[in-house]
Amino acid sequence: MNHTANLLYLAQLAATLMMTGLIWFVQIVHYPLFAYVGERVFVAYARRHATLTGYVVGGPMLLELSTGLAALAPRLRPNFYSATQAWSSAFLVLLIWAVTGLRQVPQHERLGRGHDARLIQRLVYGNWIRTILWSLRSILLLSCLSHALV
């Protein structure tokens, strides 16, 4: 039994589950409420939102990325976690980072300059991509663990 690989897997699972729960909250509650922030305070709100969100998601996202990529190394992957599953999981986390960096972050930067109802709508709709990707990661990682426990 490889304790290091198991601990890395559990860290990856914990970070992914945390981010999955958070992204569902953001998708259903938080992002839609952007439309209700008054234009007079919107810029300050959007900028503060970006800063505070970074504090909350930075650590878990880095942990998820690093442990997800570490699992590509056979000696850092638990026996119950196949190479195909590890590569699929790593691909999903890299997609999440790409969508975040190429789509969501630039949209937040634009919102930090002023209220834009159409951009808020695009932010909400586009965030479904990350919501689905994180949900798929959770399902994949939980499925692997469930097979190890049975």
N, C-alpha and C. Protein backbone atom coordinates (compact mmCIF):
# COMPACT_ATOMS: atom_id res chain seq x y z
N MET A 1 0.85 -1.19 0.00
CA MET A 1 0.00 0.00 0.00
C MET A 1 0.89 1.24 0.00
N ASN A 2 0.61 2.17 -0.88
CA ASN A 2 1.39 3.39 -1.02
C ASN A 2 0.67 4.52 -0.28
N HIS A 3 1.11 4.81 0.94
CA HIS A 3 0.44 5.82 1.77
C HIS A 3 0.53 7.21 1.16
N THR A 4 1.67 7.54 0.57
CA THR A 4 1.83 8.86 -0.04
C THR A 4 0.82 9.05 -1.18
N ALA A 5 0.70 8.04 -2.03
CA ALA A 5 -0.25 8.12 -3.15
C ALA A 5 -1.68 8.24 -2.63
N ASN A 6 -2.00 7.50 -1.60
CA ASN A 6 -3.36 7.58 -1.03
C ASN A 6 -3.64 8.95 -0.44
N LEU A 7 -2.66 9.52 0.25
CA LEU A 7 -2.84 10.86 0.84
C LEU A 7 -2.99 11.92 -0.24
N LEU A 8 -2.19 11.81 -1.30
CA LEU A 8 -2.31 12.76 -2.41
C LEU A 8 -3.69 12.64 -3.07
N TYR A 9 -4.17 11.42 -3.20
CA TYR A 9 -5.50 11.20 -3.78
C TYR A 9 -6.57 11.83 -2.90
N LEU A 10 -6.49 11.60 -1.60
CA LEU A 10 -7.48 12.16 -0.68
C LEU A 10 -7.43 13.69 -0.69
N ALA A 11 -6.24 14.26 -0.80
CA ALA A 11 -6.12 15.72 -0.89
C ALA A 11 -6.77 16.22 -2.17
N GLN A 12 -6.52 15.50 -3.27
CA GLN A 12 -7.14 15.88 -4.54
C GLN A 12 -8.66 15.79 -4.45
N LEU A 13 -9.15 14.71 -3.87
CA LEU A 13 -10.60 14.53 -3.72
C LEU A 13 -11.20 15.63 -2.86
N ALA A 14 -10.56 15.94 -1.74
CA ALA A 14 -11.08 16.99 -0.85
C ALA A 14 -11.13 18.34 -1.56
N ALA A 15 -10.06 18.69 -2.27
CA ALA A 15 -10.03 19.97 -2.98
C ALA A 15 -11.10 20.01 -4.07
N THR A 16 -11.25 18.91 -4.79
CA THR A 16 -12.23 18.85 -5.86
C THR A 16 -13.65 18.94 -5.31
N LEU A 17 -13.93 18.23 -4.24
CA LEU A 17 -15.27 18.30 -3.65
C LEU A 17 -15.57 19.69 -3.11
N MET A 18 -14.56 20.32 -2.51
CA MET A 18 -14.75 21.69 -2.01
C MET A 18 -15.06 22.62 -3.16
N MET A 19 -14.30 22.52 -4.25
CA MET A 19 -14.51 23.40 -5.39
C MET A 19 -15.82 23.10 -6.11
N THR A 20 -16.23 21.85 -6.12
CA THR A 20 -17.51 21.50 -6.75
C THR A 20 -18.67 22.11 -5.98
N GLY A 21 -18.63 21.99 -4.67
CA GLY A 21 -19.68 22.61 -3.87
C GLY A 21 -19.70 24.12 -4.04
N LEU A 22 -18.52 24.70 -4.03
CA LEU A 22 -18.42 26.16 -4.17
C LEU A 22 -18.91 26.62 -5.54
N ILE A 23 -18.55 25.91 -6.61
CA ILE A 23 -18.94 26.35 -7.94
C ILE A 23 -20.45 26.25 -8.13
N TRP A 24 -21.07 25.26 -7.52
CA TRP A 24 -22.54 25.18 -7.60
C TRP A 24 -23.19 26.36 -6.88
N PHE A 25 -22.65 26.74 -5.73
CA PHE A 25 -23.16 27.92 -5.02
C PHE A 25 -22.98 29.17 -5.87
N VAL A 26 -21.81 29.32 -6.44
CA VAL A 26 -21.52 30.48 -7.29
C VAL A 26 -22.47 30.50 -8.48
N GLN A 27 -22.67 29.34 -9.10
CA GLN A 27 -23.50 29.27 -10.30
C GLN A 27 -24.98 29.57 -10.02
N ILE A 28 -25.49 29.03 -8.94
CA ILE A 28 -26.93 29.14 -8.67
C ILE A 28 -27.27 30.41 -7.90
N VAL A 29 -26.39 30.84 -7.00
CA VAL A 29 -26.71 31.96 -6.11
C VAL A 29 -25.88 33.21 -6.43
N HIS A 30 -24.59 33.07 -6.37
CA HIS A 30 -23.71 34.23 -6.34
C HIS A 30 -23.65 35.00 -7.66
N TYR A 31 -23.29 34.33 -8.75
CA TYR A 31 -23.18 35.05 -10.02
C TYR A 31 -24.50 35.68 -10.47
N PRO A 32 -25.62 34.98 -10.36
CA PRO A 32 -26.88 35.64 -10.76
C PRO A 32 -27.18 36.90 -9.95
N LEU A 33 -26.71 36.98 -8.71
CA LEU A 33 -26.97 38.17 -7.89
C LEU A 33 -26.17 39.39 -8.34
N PHE A 34 -25.14 39.19 -9.18
CA PHE A 34 -24.41 40.33 -9.73
C PHE A 34 -25.36 41.31 -10.42
N ALA A 35 -26.38 40.78 -11.04
CA ALA A 35 -27.33 41.62 -11.79
C ALA A 35 -28.11 42.56 -10.88
N TYR A 36 -28.13 42.29 -9.59
CA TYR A 36 -28.91 43.09 -8.65
C TYR A 36 -28.07 44.11 -7.87
N VAL A 37 -26.77 44.14 -8.16
CA VAL A 37 -25.90 45.12 -7.50
C VAL A 37 -26.05 46.44 -8.26
N GLY A 38 -26.34 47.49 -7.53
CA GLY A 38 -26.54 48.79 -8.16
C GLY A 38 -25.31 49.28 -8.90
N GLU A 39 -25.54 50.00 -9.98
CA GLU A 39 -24.43 50.49 -10.80
C GLU A 39 -23.49 51.41 -10.03
N ARG A 40 -24.04 52.15 -9.06
CA ARG A 40 -23.24 53.11 -8.30
C ARG A 40 -22.14 52.42 -7.49
N VAL A 41 -22.39 51.22 -7.01
CA VAL A 41 -21.42 50.50 -6.18
C VAL A 41 -20.82 49.28 -6.88
N PHE A 42 -21.22 49.09 -8.13
CA PHE A 42 -20.85 47.86 -8.81
C PHE A 42 -19.34 47.68 -8.97
N VAL A 43 -18.62 48.70 -9.37
CA VAL A 43 -17.18 48.57 -9.60
C VAL A 43 -16.47 48.15 -8.31
N ALA A 44 -16.78 48.80 -7.21
CA ALA A 44 -16.16 48.43 -5.93
C ALA A 44 -16.54 47.00 -5.55
N TYR A 45 -17.80 46.65 -5.77
CA TYR A 45 -18.26 45.30 -5.46
C TYR A 45 -17.52 44.26 -6.30
N ALA A 46 -17.44 44.49 -7.61
CA ALA A 46 -16.80 43.53 -8.51
C ALA A 46 -15.31 43.36 -8.18
N ARG A 47 -14.65 44.44 -7.88
CA ARG A 47 -13.22 44.35 -7.55
C ARG A 47 -13.00 43.62 -6.23
N ARG A 48 -13.82 43.95 -5.25
CA ARG A 48 -13.70 43.28 -3.94
C ARG A 48 -14.03 41.80 -4.06
N HIS A 49 -15.03 41.50 -4.86
CA HIS A 49 -15.42 40.11 -5.12
C HIS A 49 -14.23 39.33 -5.67
N ALA A 50 -13.55 39.89 -6.67
CA ALA A 50 -12.43 39.20 -7.30
C ALA A 50 -11.31 38.94 -6.28
N THR A 51 -11.01 39.93 -5.47
CA THR A 51 -9.95 39.77 -4.47
C THR A 51 -10.31 38.70 -3.44
N LEU A 52 -11.50 38.82 -2.87
CA LEU A 52 -11.90 37.88 -1.82
C LEU A 52 -12.06 36.46 -2.36
N THR A 53 -12.57 36.34 -3.56
CA THR A 53 -12.73 35.01 -4.16
C THR A 53 -11.36 34.36 -4.35
N GLY A 54 -10.38 35.14 -4.75
CA GLY A 54 -9.03 34.60 -4.90
C GLY A 54 -8.51 34.00 -3.61
N TYR A 55 -8.80 34.63 -2.48
CA TYR A 55 -8.37 34.09 -1.19
C TYR A 55 -9.01 32.73 -0.91
N VAL A 56 -10.26 32.58 -1.30
CA VAL A 56 -11.00 31.35 -1.01
C VAL A 56 -10.61 30.22 -1.95
N VAL A 57 -10.46 30.50 -3.24
CA VAL A 57 -10.26 29.43 -4.21
C VAL A 57 -8.80 29.16 -4.56
N GLY A 58 -7.91 30.10 -4.27
CA GLY A 58 -6.51 29.94 -4.68
C GLY A 58 -5.87 28.66 -4.16
N GLY A 59 -5.94 28.44 -2.88
CA GLY A 59 -5.32 27.25 -2.27
C GLY A 59 -5.92 25.95 -2.77
N PRO A 60 -7.24 25.79 -2.69
CA PRO A 60 -7.84 24.54 -3.18
C PRO A 60 -7.58 24.28 -4.66
N MET A 61 -7.61 25.34 -5.48
CA MET A 61 -7.36 25.12 -6.91
C MET A 61 -5.92 24.68 -7.16
N LEU A 62 -4.97 25.28 -6.45
CA LEU A 62 -3.57 24.87 -6.59
C LEU A 62 -3.35 23.45 -6.08
N LEU A 63 -4.00 23.12 -4.96
CA LEU A 63 -3.89 21.76 -4.43
C LEU A 63 -4.49 20.75 -5.41
N GLU A 64 -5.64 21.09 -5.95
CA GLU A 64 -6.29 20.20 -6.91
C GLU A 64 -5.43 19.99 -8.16
N LEU A 65 -4.87 21.08 -8.67
CA LEU A 65 -4.01 20.98 -9.85
C LEU A 65 -2.76 20.15 -9.57
N SER A 66 -2.07 20.47 -8.49
CA SER A 66 -0.81 19.79 -8.20
C SER A 66 -1.02 18.31 -7.90
N THR A 67 -2.04 17.97 -7.15
CA THR A 67 -2.27 16.55 -6.84
C THR A 67 -2.82 15.81 -8.05
N GLY A 68 -3.61 16.51 -8.86
CA GLY A 68 -4.12 15.89 -10.09
C GLY A 68 -3.00 15.56 -11.06
N LEU A 69 -2.05 16.47 -11.18
CA LEU A 69 -0.90 16.22 -12.07
C LEU A 69 0.06 15.21 -11.46
N ALA A 70 0.22 15.24 -10.15
CA ALA A 70 1.10 14.27 -9.49
C ALA A 70 0.63 12.84 -9.73
N ALA A 71 -0.68 12.65 -9.80
CA ALA A 71 -1.24 11.30 -9.99
C ALA A 71 -0.89 10.72 -11.37
N LEU A 72 -0.36 11.54 -12.26
CA LEU A 72 0.07 11.01 -13.56
C LEU A 72 1.32 10.16 -13.42
N ALA A 73 2.06 10.37 -12.34
CA ALA A 73 3.25 9.54 -12.06
C ALA A 73 2.78 8.25 -11.39
N PRO A 74 3.10 7.10 -11.96
CA PRO A 74 2.60 5.82 -11.41
C PRO A 74 2.87 5.63 -9.92
N ARG A 75 4.03 6.06 -9.43
CA ARG A 75 4.34 5.84 -8.01
C ARG A 75 3.55 6.77 -7.09
N LEU A 76 2.92 7.81 -7.66
CA LEU A 76 2.12 8.74 -6.86
C LEU A 76 0.62 8.55 -7.10
N ARG A 77 0.28 7.42 -7.68
CA ARG A 77 -1.11 7.11 -7.99
C ARG A 77 -1.52 5.85 -7.21
N PRO A 78 -2.62 5.91 -6.47
CA PRO A 78 -3.07 4.72 -5.75
C PRO A 78 -3.39 3.56 -6.70
N ASN A 79 -3.34 2.36 -6.19
CA ASN A 79 -3.62 1.17 -7.00
C ASN A 79 -5.02 1.18 -7.61
N PHE A 80 -5.96 1.78 -6.92
CA PHE A 80 -7.35 1.77 -7.40
C PHE A 80 -7.63 2.85 -8.44
N TYR A 81 -6.63 3.65 -8.76
CA TYR A 81 -6.78 4.80 -9.66
C TYR A 81 -5.96 4.52 -10.91
N SER A 82 -6.62 4.18 -12.00
CA SER A 82 -5.90 3.77 -13.21
C SER A 82 -5.25 4.97 -13.90
N ALA A 83 -4.32 4.67 -14.77
CA ALA A 83 -3.65 5.72 -15.55
C ALA A 83 -4.68 6.48 -16.40
N THR A 84 -5.61 5.77 -16.98
CA THR A 84 -6.65 6.41 -17.79
C THR A 84 -7.49 7.36 -16.95
N GLN A 85 -7.85 6.93 -15.77
CA GLN A 85 -8.63 7.80 -14.87
C GLN A 85 -7.81 9.02 -14.46
N ALA A 86 -6.54 8.81 -14.16
CA ALA A 86 -5.69 9.93 -13.76
C ALA A 86 -5.53 10.93 -14.90
N TRP A 87 -5.32 10.44 -16.11
CA TRP A 87 -5.19 11.33 -17.27
C TRP A 87 -6.51 12.06 -17.54
N SER A 88 -7.62 11.37 -17.41
CA SER A 88 -8.93 12.01 -17.59
C SER A 88 -9.14 13.11 -16.56
N SER A 89 -8.80 12.81 -15.33
CA SER A 89 -8.95 13.78 -14.25
C SER A 89 -8.04 14.98 -14.46
N ALA A 90 -6.80 14.72 -14.87
CA ALA A 90 -5.85 15.81 -15.12
C ALA A 90 -6.34 16.68 -16.29
N PHE A 91 -6.88 16.05 -17.31
CA PHE A 91 -7.41 16.79 -18.45
C PHE A 91 -8.55 17.70 -17.99
N LEU A 92 -9.43 17.19 -17.14
CA LEU A 92 -10.54 18.01 -16.65
C LEU A 92 -10.03 19.20 -15.84
N VAL A 93 -9.05 18.99 -14.97
CA VAL A 93 -8.57 20.10 -14.15
C VAL A 93 -7.85 21.13 -15.02
N LEU A 94 -7.15 20.68 -16.04
CA LEU A 94 -6.50 21.62 -16.95
C LEU A 94 -7.53 22.42 -17.75
N LEU A 95 -8.62 21.78 -18.13
CA LEU A 95 -9.71 22.50 -18.80
C LEU A 95 -10.31 23.56 -17.88
N ILE A 96 -10.50 23.20 -16.62
CA ILE A 96 -11.03 24.16 -15.65
C ILE A 96 -10.13 25.38 -15.55
N TRP A 97 -8.83 25.13 -15.45
CA TRP A 97 -7.89 26.24 -15.37
C TRP A 97 -7.92 27.08 -16.65
N ALA A 98 -8.02 26.43 -17.79
CA ALA A 98 -8.06 27.15 -19.06
C ALA A 98 -9.31 28.03 -19.15
N VAL A 99 -10.45 27.47 -18.82
CA VAL A 99 -11.70 28.25 -18.87
C VAL A 99 -11.65 29.39 -17.86
N THR A 100 -11.12 29.11 -16.69
CA THR A 100 -11.01 30.15 -15.66
C THR A 100 -10.11 31.28 -16.15
N GLY A 101 -8.94 30.93 -16.64
CA GLY A 101 -7.97 31.94 -17.05
C GLY A 101 -8.32 32.66 -18.35
N LEU A 102 -8.92 31.95 -19.28
CA LEU A 102 -9.18 32.53 -20.58
C LEU A 102 -10.57 33.16 -20.72
N ARG A 103 -11.48 32.76 -19.84
CA ARG A 103 -12.85 33.27 -19.96
C ARG A 103 -13.31 34.02 -18.70
N GLN A 104 -13.31 33.33 -17.57
CA GLN A 104 -13.90 33.92 -16.36
C GLN A 104 -13.08 35.10 -15.83
N VAL A 105 -11.77 34.95 -15.72
CA VAL A 105 -10.94 36.03 -15.18
C VAL A 105 -11.04 37.29 -16.04
N PRO A 106 -10.92 37.19 -17.37
CA PRO A 106 -11.07 38.41 -18.17
C PRO A 106 -12.46 39.05 -18.03
N GLN A 107 -13.48 38.24 -17.89
CA GLN A 107 -14.82 38.81 -17.69
C GLN A 107 -14.90 39.55 -16.37
N HIS A 108 -14.31 38.98 -15.33
CA HIS A 108 -14.30 39.67 -14.03
C HIS A 108 -13.50 40.97 -14.11
N GLU A 109 -12.40 40.95 -14.85
CA GLU A 109 -11.61 42.18 -15.00
C GLU A 109 -12.42 43.26 -15.70
N ARG A 110 -13.18 42.88 -16.71
CA ARG A 110 -14.04 43.85 -17.40
C ARG A 110 -15.15 44.36 -16.48
N LEU A 111 -15.72 43.48 -15.69
CA LEU A 111 -16.76 43.91 -14.75
C LEU A 111 -16.19 44.83 -13.68
N GLY A 112 -14.91 44.69 -13.38
CA GLY A 112 -14.25 45.57 -12.43
C GLY A 112 -14.10 47.00 -12.94
N ARG A 113 -14.41 47.21 -14.20
CA ARG A 113 -14.38 48.55 -14.78
C ARG A 113 -15.77 49.16 -14.95
N GLY A 114 -16.80 48.33 -14.75
CA GLY A 114 -18.15 48.89 -14.85
C GLY A 114 -19.21 47.83 -15.05
N HIS A 115 -20.40 48.16 -14.65
CA HIS A 115 -21.56 47.29 -14.77
C HIS A 115 -21.88 47.04 -16.24
N ASP A 116 -22.13 45.79 -16.59
CA ASP A 116 -22.48 45.41 -17.95
C ASP A 116 -23.42 44.20 -17.86
N ALA A 117 -24.71 44.45 -18.05
CA ALA A 117 -25.73 43.41 -17.87
C ALA A 117 -25.50 42.22 -18.80
N ARG A 118 -25.12 42.48 -20.05
CA ARG A 118 -24.88 41.38 -20.99
C ARG A 118 -23.67 40.56 -20.57
N LEU A 119 -22.64 41.22 -20.07
CA LEU A 119 -21.45 40.51 -19.62
C LEU A 119 -21.76 39.66 -18.38
N ILE A 120 -22.57 40.17 -17.49
CA ILE A 120 -22.97 39.38 -16.32
C ILE A 120 -23.70 38.13 -16.78
N GLN A 121 -24.58 38.28 -17.75
CA GLN A 121 -25.32 37.13 -18.28
C GLN A 121 -24.36 36.12 -18.91
N ARG A 122 -23.37 36.59 -19.66
CA ARG A 122 -22.38 35.69 -20.26
C ARG A 122 -21.54 35.01 -19.18
N LEU A 123 -21.23 35.74 -18.10
CA LEU A 123 -20.48 35.17 -16.98
C LEU A 123 -21.25 33.99 -16.39
N VAL A 124 -22.54 34.19 -16.17
CA VAL A 124 -23.38 33.14 -15.58
C VAL A 124 -23.48 31.95 -16.53
N TYR A 125 -23.82 32.19 -17.78
CA TYR A 125 -23.97 31.09 -18.73
C TYR A 125 -22.65 30.36 -18.96
N GLY A 126 -21.58 31.10 -19.12
CA GLY A 126 -20.28 30.49 -19.35
C GLY A 126 -19.76 29.70 -18.17
N ASN A 127 -20.18 30.07 -16.98
CA ASN A 127 -19.72 29.36 -15.78
C ASN A 127 -20.28 27.95 -15.70
N TRP A 128 -21.33 27.66 -16.48
CA TRP A 128 -21.83 26.28 -16.51
C TRP A 128 -20.74 25.32 -16.97
N ILE A 129 -19.82 25.79 -17.79
CA ILE A 129 -18.72 24.93 -18.25
C ILE A 129 -17.92 24.45 -17.05
N ARG A 130 -17.52 25.37 -16.19
CA ARG A 130 -16.73 24.98 -15.01
C ARG A 130 -17.55 24.16 -14.04
N THR A 131 -18.82 24.50 -13.90
CA THR A 131 -19.70 23.75 -13.00
C THR A 131 -19.78 22.30 -13.43
N ILE A 132 -19.94 22.08 -14.73
CA ILE A 132 -20.01 20.71 -15.25
C ILE A 132 -18.66 20.00 -15.12
N LEU A 133 -17.57 20.69 -15.45
CA LEU A 133 -16.25 20.07 -15.36
C LEU A 133 -15.92 19.66 -13.93
N TRP A 134 -16.18 20.55 -12.97
CA TRP A 134 -15.89 20.17 -11.57
C TRP A 134 -16.80 19.04 -11.11
N SER A 135 -18.03 19.05 -11.55
CA SER A 135 -18.94 17.96 -11.19
C SER A 135 -18.45 16.64 -11.76
N LEU A 136 -17.97 16.65 -13.00
CA LEU A 136 -17.42 15.44 -13.60
C LEU A 136 -16.20 14.94 -12.84
N ARG A 137 -15.33 15.87 -12.42
CA ARG A 137 -14.16 15.47 -11.62
C ARG A 137 -14.60 14.80 -10.32
N SER A 138 -15.57 15.39 -9.66
CA SER A 138 -16.06 14.80 -8.41
C SER A 138 -16.61 13.40 -8.64
N ILE A 139 -17.41 13.25 -9.68
CA ILE A 139 -17.98 11.93 -9.98
C ILE A 139 -16.87 10.93 -10.27
N LEU A 140 -15.90 11.32 -11.07
CA LEU A 140 -14.79 10.43 -11.42
C LEU A 140 -14.01 10.02 -10.18
N LEU A 141 -13.62 10.98 -9.37
CA LEU A 141 -12.80 10.68 -8.18
C LEU A 141 -13.58 9.86 -7.16
N LEU A 142 -14.85 10.18 -6.96
CA LEU A 142 -15.67 9.41 -6.02
C LEU A 142 -15.91 8.00 -6.53
N SER A 143 -16.07 7.86 -7.83
CA SER A 143 -16.27 6.53 -8.42
C SER A 143 -15.02 5.66 -8.20
N CYS A 144 -13.86 6.24 -8.41
CA CYS A 144 -12.61 5.48 -8.19
C CYS A 144 -12.51 5.05 -6.74
N LEU A 145 -12.78 5.96 -5.84
CA LEU A 145 -12.70 5.63 -4.41
C LEU A 145 -13.73 4.58 -4.03
N SER A 146 -14.92 4.68 -4.57
CA SER A 146 -15.96 3.70 -4.23
C SER A 146 -15.56 2.30 -4.66
N HIS A 147 -14.88 2.17 -5.80
CA HIS A 147 -14.42 0.87 -6.25
C HIS A 147 -13.33 0.31 -5.31
N ALA A 148 -12.56 1.19 -4.72
CA ALA A 148 -11.51 0.76 -3.79
C ALA A 148 -12.12 0.27 -2.48
N LEU A 149 -13.26 0.82 -2.14
CA LEU A 149 -13.88 0.49 -0.85
C LEU A 149 -14.77 -0.74 -0.92
N VAL A 150 -15.11 -1.16 -2.11
CA VAL A 150 -16.03 -2.31 -2.27
C VAL A 150 -15.25 -3.59 -2.40
